Amino acid sequence: MKKSHSSGCGGIYGLGMIGAAVYYISTATSFWIGVLGFLKALVWPAFLVYGVMEFIGL
């Protein structure tokens, strides 16, 4: 029987997603902007990587 070990990154991603959703929804000015904020919260790591790459000039 093969055992699987998890690194715990799923929990960090989940907390980040919840935090991003709360931020985007709380700053939304309309319902549809809130929906867009929720969708952004699902892909927040992509925004993070893009910002870091832009900062370091890649």
PDB file of N, CA and C in Angstrom:
ATOM      1  N   MET A   1       0.843  -1.170   0.000  1.00  0.00           N
ATOM      2  CA  MET A   1       0.000   0.000   0.000  1.00  0.00           C
ATOM      3  C   MET A   1       0.893   1.240   0.000  1.00  0.00           C
ATOM      4  N   LYS A   2       0.624   2.163  -0.893  1.00  0.00           N
ATOM      5  CA  LYS A   2       1.430   3.368  -1.041  1.00  0.00           C
ATOM      6  C   LYS A   2       0.801   4.508  -0.235  1.00  0.00           C
ATOM      7  N   LYS A   3       1.621   5.204   0.564  1.00  0.00           N
ATOM      8  CA  LYS A   3       1.133   6.325   1.352  1.00  0.00           C
ATOM      9  C   LYS A   3       1.448   7.632   0.625  1.00  0.00           C
ATOM     10  N   SER A   4       0.540   8.567   0.737  1.00  0.00           N
ATOM     11  CA  SER A   4       0.710   9.875   0.122  1.00  0.00           C
ATOM     12  C   SER A   4       0.953  10.914   1.203  1.00  0.00           C
ATOM     13  N   HIS A   5       1.911  11.799   0.959  1.00  0.00           N
ATOM     14  CA  HIS A   5       2.216  12.859   1.911  1.00  0.00           C
ATOM     15  C   HIS A   5       1.880  14.201   1.274  1.00  0.00           C
ATOM     16  N   SER A   6       1.180  15.022   2.016  1.00  0.00           N
ATOM     17  CA  SER A   6       0.786  16.340   1.532  1.00  0.00           C
ATOM     18  C   SER A   6       1.709  17.391   2.129  1.00  0.00           C
ATOM     19  N   SER A   7       1.989  18.436   1.353  1.00  0.00           N
ATOM     20  CA  SER A   7       2.890  19.478   1.827  1.00  0.00           C
ATOM     21  C   SER A   7       2.162  20.590   2.562  1.00  0.00           C
ATOM     22  N   GLY A   8       0.865  20.629   2.514  1.00  0.00           N
ATOM     23  CA  GLY A   8       0.106  21.670   3.196  1.00  0.00           C
ATOM     24  C   GLY A   8      -0.102  22.922   2.371  1.00  0.00           C
ATOM     25  N   CYS A   9       0.351  22.937   1.146  1.00  0.00           N
ATOM     26  CA  CYS A   9       0.190  24.120   0.303  1.00  0.00           C
ATOM     27  C   CYS A   9      -1.268  24.364  -0.054  1.00  0.00           C
ATOM     28  N   GLY A  10      -2.062  23.338  -0.047  1.00  0.00           N
ATOM     29  CA  GLY A  10      -3.481  23.509  -0.334  1.00  0.00           C
ATOM     30  C   GLY A  10      -4.160  24.391   0.704  1.00  0.00           C
ATOM     31  N   GLY A  11      -3.749  24.249   1.952  1.00  0.00           N
ATOM     32  CA  GLY A  11      -4.305  25.085   3.010  1.00  0.00           C
ATOM     33  C   GLY A  11      -3.915  26.540   2.854  1.00  0.00           C
ATOM     34  N   ILE A  12      -2.674  26.781   2.475  1.00  0.00           N
ATOM     35  CA  ILE A  12      -2.214  28.150   2.251  1.00  0.00           C
ATOM     36  C   ILE A  12      -2.958  28.760   1.075  1.00  0.00           C
ATOM     37  N   TYR A  13      -3.121  27.998   0.006  1.00  0.00           N
ATOM     38  CA  TYR A  13      -3.868  28.483  -1.159  1.00  0.00           C
ATOM     39  C   TYR A  13      -5.312  28.793  -0.768  1.00  0.00           C
ATOM     40  N   GLY A  14      -5.914  27.919   0.017  1.00  0.00           N
ATOM     41  CA  GLY A  14      -7.299  28.119   0.432  1.00  0.00           C
ATOM     42  C   GLY A  14      -7.471  29.368   1.280  1.00  0.00           C
ATOM     43  N   LEU A  15      -6.566  29.589   2.238  1.00  0.00           N
ATOM     44  CA  LEU A  15      -6.642  30.794   3.059  1.00  0.00           C
ATOM     45  C   LEU A  15      -6.415  32.043   2.216  1.00  0.00           C
ATOM     46  N   GLY A  16      -5.490  31.964   1.277  1.00  0.00           N
ATOM     47  CA  GLY A  16      -5.251  33.089   0.381  1.00  0.00           C
ATOM     48  C   GLY A  16      -6.460  33.383  -0.480  1.00  0.00           C
ATOM     49  N   MET A  17      -7.116  32.344  -0.956  1.00  0.00           N
ATOM     50  CA  MET A  17      -8.310  32.518  -1.780  1.00  0.00           C
ATOM     51  C   MET A  17      -9.434  33.173  -0.975  1.00  0.00           C
ATOM     52  N   ILE A  18      -9.625  32.728   0.255  1.00  0.00           N
ATOM     53  CA  ILE A  18     -10.660  33.321   1.104  1.00  0.00           C
ATOM     54  C   ILE A  18     -10.338  34.785   1.389  1.00  0.00           C
ATOM     55  N   GLY A  19      -9.090  35.068   1.709  1.00  0.00           N
ATOM     56  CA  GLY A  19      -8.691  36.447   1.970  1.00  0.00           C
ATOM     57  C   GLY A  19      -8.867  37.339   0.759  1.00  0.00           C
ATOM     58  N   ALA A  20      -8.486  36.835  -0.414  1.00  0.00           N
ATOM     59  CA  ALA A  20      -8.650  37.608  -1.642  1.00  0.00           C
ATOM     60  C   ALA A  20     -10.124  37.831  -1.955  1.00  0.00           C
ATOM     61  N   ALA A  21     -10.946  36.819  -1.746  1.00  0.00           N
ATOM     62  CA  ALA A  21     -12.380  36.962  -2.007  1.00  0.00           C
ATOM     63  C   ALA A  21     -12.995  38.006  -1.079  1.00  0.00           C
ATOM     64  N   VAL A  22     -12.625  37.970   0.189  1.00  0.00           N
ATOM     65  CA  VAL A  22     -13.146  38.959   1.140  1.00  0.00           C
ATOM     66  C   VAL A  22     -12.715  40.361   0.719  1.00  0.00           C
ATOM     67  N   TYR A  23     -11.459  40.517   0.331  1.00  0.00           N
ATOM     68  CA  TYR A  23     -10.970  41.832  -0.091  1.00  0.00           C
ATOM     69  C   TYR A  23     -11.701  42.325  -1.334  1.00  0.00           C
ATOM     70  N   TYR A  24     -11.722  41.505  -2.380  1.00  0.00           N
ATOM     71  CA  TYR A  24     -12.336  41.934  -3.634  1.00  0.00           C
ATOM     72  C   TYR A  24     -13.830  42.203  -3.478  1.00  0.00           C
ATOM     73  N   ILE A  25     -14.532  41.374  -2.727  1.00  0.00           N
ATOM     74  CA  ILE A  25     -15.975  41.557  -2.561  1.00  0.00           C
ATOM     75  C   ILE A  25     -16.264  42.779  -1.680  1.00  0.00           C
ATOM     76  N   SER A  26     -15.428  42.999  -0.658  1.00  0.00           N
ATOM     77  CA  SER A  26     -15.682  44.150   0.222  1.00  0.00           C
ATOM     78  C   SER A  26     -15.412  45.476  -0.474  1.00  0.00           C
ATOM     79  N   THR A  27     -14.564  45.484  -1.493  1.00  0.00           N
ATOM     80  CA  THR A  27     -14.283  46.725  -2.214  1.00  0.00           C
ATOM     81  C   THR A  27     -15.132  46.877  -3.475  1.00  0.00           C
ATOM     82  N   ALA A  28     -16.008  45.913  -3.738  1.00  0.00           N
ATOM     83  CA  ALA A  28     -16.839  45.968  -4.949  1.00  0.00           C
ATOM     84  C   ALA A  28     -17.894  47.054  -4.820  1.00  0.00           C
ATOM     85  N   THR A  29     -18.150  47.717  -5.933  1.00  0.00           N
ATOM     86  CA  THR A  29     -19.148  48.779  -5.952  1.00  0.00           C
ATOM     87  C   THR A  29     -20.491  48.320  -6.506  1.00  0.00           C
ATOM     88  N   SER A  30     -20.536  47.116  -7.068  1.00  0.00           N
ATOM     89  CA  SER A  30     -21.796  46.570  -7.572  1.00  0.00           C
ATOM     90  C   SER A  30     -21.743  45.048  -7.479  1.00  0.00           C
ATOM     91  N   PHE A  31     -22.879  44.430  -7.732  1.00  0.00           N
ATOM     92  CA  PHE A  31     -22.954  42.971  -7.654  1.00  0.00           C
ATOM     93  C   PHE A  31     -22.001  42.312  -8.643  1.00  0.00           C
ATOM     94  N   TRP A  32     -21.974  42.782  -9.888  1.00  0.00           N
ATOM     95  CA  TRP A  32     -21.160  42.139 -10.914  1.00  0.00           C
ATOM     96  C   TRP A  32     -19.675  42.359 -10.681  1.00  0.00           C
ATOM     97  N   ILE A  33     -19.307  43.482 -10.086  1.00  0.00           N
ATOM     98  CA  ILE A  33     -17.906  43.694  -9.715  1.00  0.00           C
ATOM     99  C   ILE A  33     -17.529  42.715  -8.596  1.00  0.00           C
ATOM    100  N   GLY A  34     -18.474  42.426  -7.705  1.00  0.00           N
ATOM    101  CA  GLY A  34     -18.243  41.421  -6.660  1.00  0.00           C
ATOM    102  C   GLY A  34     -18.059  40.035  -7.251  1.00  0.00           C
ATOM    103  N   VAL A  35     -18.851  39.699  -8.275  1.00  0.00           N
ATOM    104  CA  VAL A  35     -18.699  38.400  -8.955  1.00  0.00           C
ATOM    105  C   VAL A  35     -17.333  38.328  -9.623  1.00  0.00           C
ATOM    106  N   LEU A  36     -16.938  39.415 -10.282  1.00  0.00           N
ATOM    107  CA  LEU A  36     -15.612  39.459 -10.903  1.00  0.00           C
ATOM    108  C   LEU A  36     -14.521  39.325  -9.845  1.00  0.00           C
ATOM    109  N   GLY A  37     -14.722  39.946  -8.699  1.00  0.00           N
ATOM    110  CA  GLY A  37     -13.765  39.825  -7.598  1.00  0.00           C
ATOM    111  C   GLY A  37     -13.629  38.394  -7.117  1.00  0.00           C
ATOM    112  N   PHE A  38     -14.742  37.677  -7.033  1.00  0.00           N
ATOM    113  CA  PHE A  38     -14.692  36.270  -6.632  1.00  0.00           C
ATOM    114  C   PHE A  38     -13.908  35.447  -7.650  1.00  0.00           C
ATOM    115  N   LEU A  39     -14.124  35.712  -8.925  1.00  0.00           N
ATOM    116  CA  LEU A  39     -13.381  34.986  -9.959  1.00  0.00           C
ATOM    117  C   LEU A  39     -11.888  35.318  -9.898  1.00  0.00           C
ATOM    118  N   LYS A  40     -11.559  36.566  -9.609  1.00  0.00           N
ATOM    119  CA  LYS A  40     -10.155  36.953  -9.437  1.00  0.00           C
ATOM    120  C   LYS A  40      -9.544  36.218  -8.251  1.00  0.00           C
ATOM    121  N   ALA A  41     -10.337  36.033  -7.197  1.00  0.00           N
ATOM    122  CA  ALA A  41      -9.839  35.357  -6.002  1.00  0.00           C
ATOM    123  C   ALA A  41      -9.470  33.905  -6.296  1.00  0.00           C
ATOM    124  N   LEU A  42     -10.107  33.304  -7.265  1.00  0.00           N
ATOM    125  CA  LEU A  42      -9.791  31.914  -7.607  1.00  0.00           C
ATOM    126  C   LEU A  42      -8.410  31.794  -8.247  1.00  0.00           C
ATOM    127  N   VAL A  43      -7.961  32.844  -8.909  1.00  0.00           N
ATOM    128  CA  VAL A  43      -6.671  32.779  -9.626  1.00  0.00           C
ATOM    129  C   VAL A  43      -5.669  33.776  -9.053  1.00  0.00           C
ATOM    130  N   TRP A  44      -5.752  34.104  -7.757  1.00  0.00           N
ATOM    131  CA  TRP A  44      -4.871  35.092  -7.160  1.00  0.00           C
ATOM    132  C   TRP A  44      -3.388  34.772  -7.306  1.00  0.00           C
ATOM    133  N   PRO A  45      -2.949  33.508  -7.338  1.00  0.00           N
ATOM    134  CA  PRO A  45      -1.506  33.279  -7.507  1.00  0.00           C
ATOM    135  C   PRO A  45      -0.981  33.806  -8.853  1.00  0.00           C
ATOM    136  N   ALA A  46      -1.814  33.786  -9.874  1.00  0.00           N
ATOM    137  CA  ALA A  46      -1.379  34.302 -11.179  1.00  0.00           C
ATOM    138  C   ALA A  46      -1.097  35.802 -11.082  1.00  0.00           C
ATOM    139  N   PHE A  47      -1.943  36.544 -10.369  1.00  0.00           N
ATOM    140  CA  PHE A  47      -1.705  37.977 -10.178  1.00  0.00           C
ATOM    141  C   PHE A  47      -0.431  38.206  -9.367  1.00  0.00           C
ATOM    142  N   LEU A  48      -0.197  37.378  -8.374  1.00  0.00           N
ATOM    143  CA  LEU A  48       0.999  37.498  -7.542  1.00  0.00           C
ATOM    144  C   LEU A  48       2.261  37.270  -8.357  1.00  0.00           C
ATOM    145  N   VAL A  49       2.295  36.205  -9.134  1.00  0.00           N
ATOM    146  CA  VAL A  49       3.470  35.898  -9.955  1.00  0.00           C
ATOM    147  C   VAL A  49       3.695  36.993 -10.997  1.00  0.00           C
ATOM    148  N   TYR A  50       2.628  37.481 -11.608  1.00  0.00           N
ATOM    149  CA  TYR A  50       2.748  38.547 -12.597  1.00  0.00           C
ATOM    150  C   TYR A  50       3.349  39.808 -11.963  1.00  0.00           C
ATOM    151  N   GLY A  51       2.870  40.158 -10.780  1.00  0.00           N
ATOM    152  CA  GLY A  51       3.387  41.342 -10.091  1.00  0.00           C
ATOM    153  C   GLY A  51       4.847  41.208  -9.719  1.00  0.00           C
ATOM    154  N   VAL A  52       5.241  40.031  -9.258  1.00  0.00           N
ATOM    155  CA  VAL A  52       6.644  39.806  -8.901  1.00  0.00           C
ATOM    156  C   VAL A  52       7.526  39.869 -10.140  1.00  0.00           C
ATOM    157  N   MET A  53       7.092  39.247 -11.226  1.00  0.00           N
ATOM    158  CA  MET A  53       7.892  39.275 -12.458  1.00  0.00           C
ATOM    159  C   MET A  53       7.993  40.696 -13.012  1.00  0.00           C
ATOM    160  N   GLU A  54       6.926  41.449 -12.926  1.00  0.00           N
ATOM    161  CA  GLU A  54       6.955  42.834 -13.379  1.00  0.00           C
ATOM    162  C   GLU A  54       7.911  43.659 -12.508  1.00  0.00           C
ATOM    163  N   PHE A  55       7.912  43.400 -11.203  1.00  0.00           N
ATOM    164  CA  PHE A  55       8.772  44.122 -10.268  1.00  0.00           C
ATOM    165  C   PHE A  55      10.249  43.865 -10.541  1.00  0.00           C
ATOM    166  N   ILE A  56      10.595  42.611 -10.837  1.00  0.00           N
ATOM    167  CA  ILE A  56      12.014  42.300 -11.069  1.00  0.00           C
ATOM    168  C   ILE A  56      12.436  42.518 -12.514  1.00  0.00           C
ATOM    169  N   GLY A  57      11.503  42.900 -13.354  1.00  0.00           N
ATOM    170  CA  GLY A  57      11.835  43.282 -14.729  1.00  0.00           C
ATOM    171  C   GLY A  57      11.913  42.152 -15.726  1.00  0.00           C
ATOM    172  N   LEU A  58      11.201  41.092 -15.507  1.00  0.00           N
ATOM    173  CA  LEU A  58      11.223  39.982 -16.482  1.00  0.00           C
ATOM    174  C   LEU A  58      10.103  40.097 -17.456  1.00  0.00           C
TER     175      LEU A  58
END
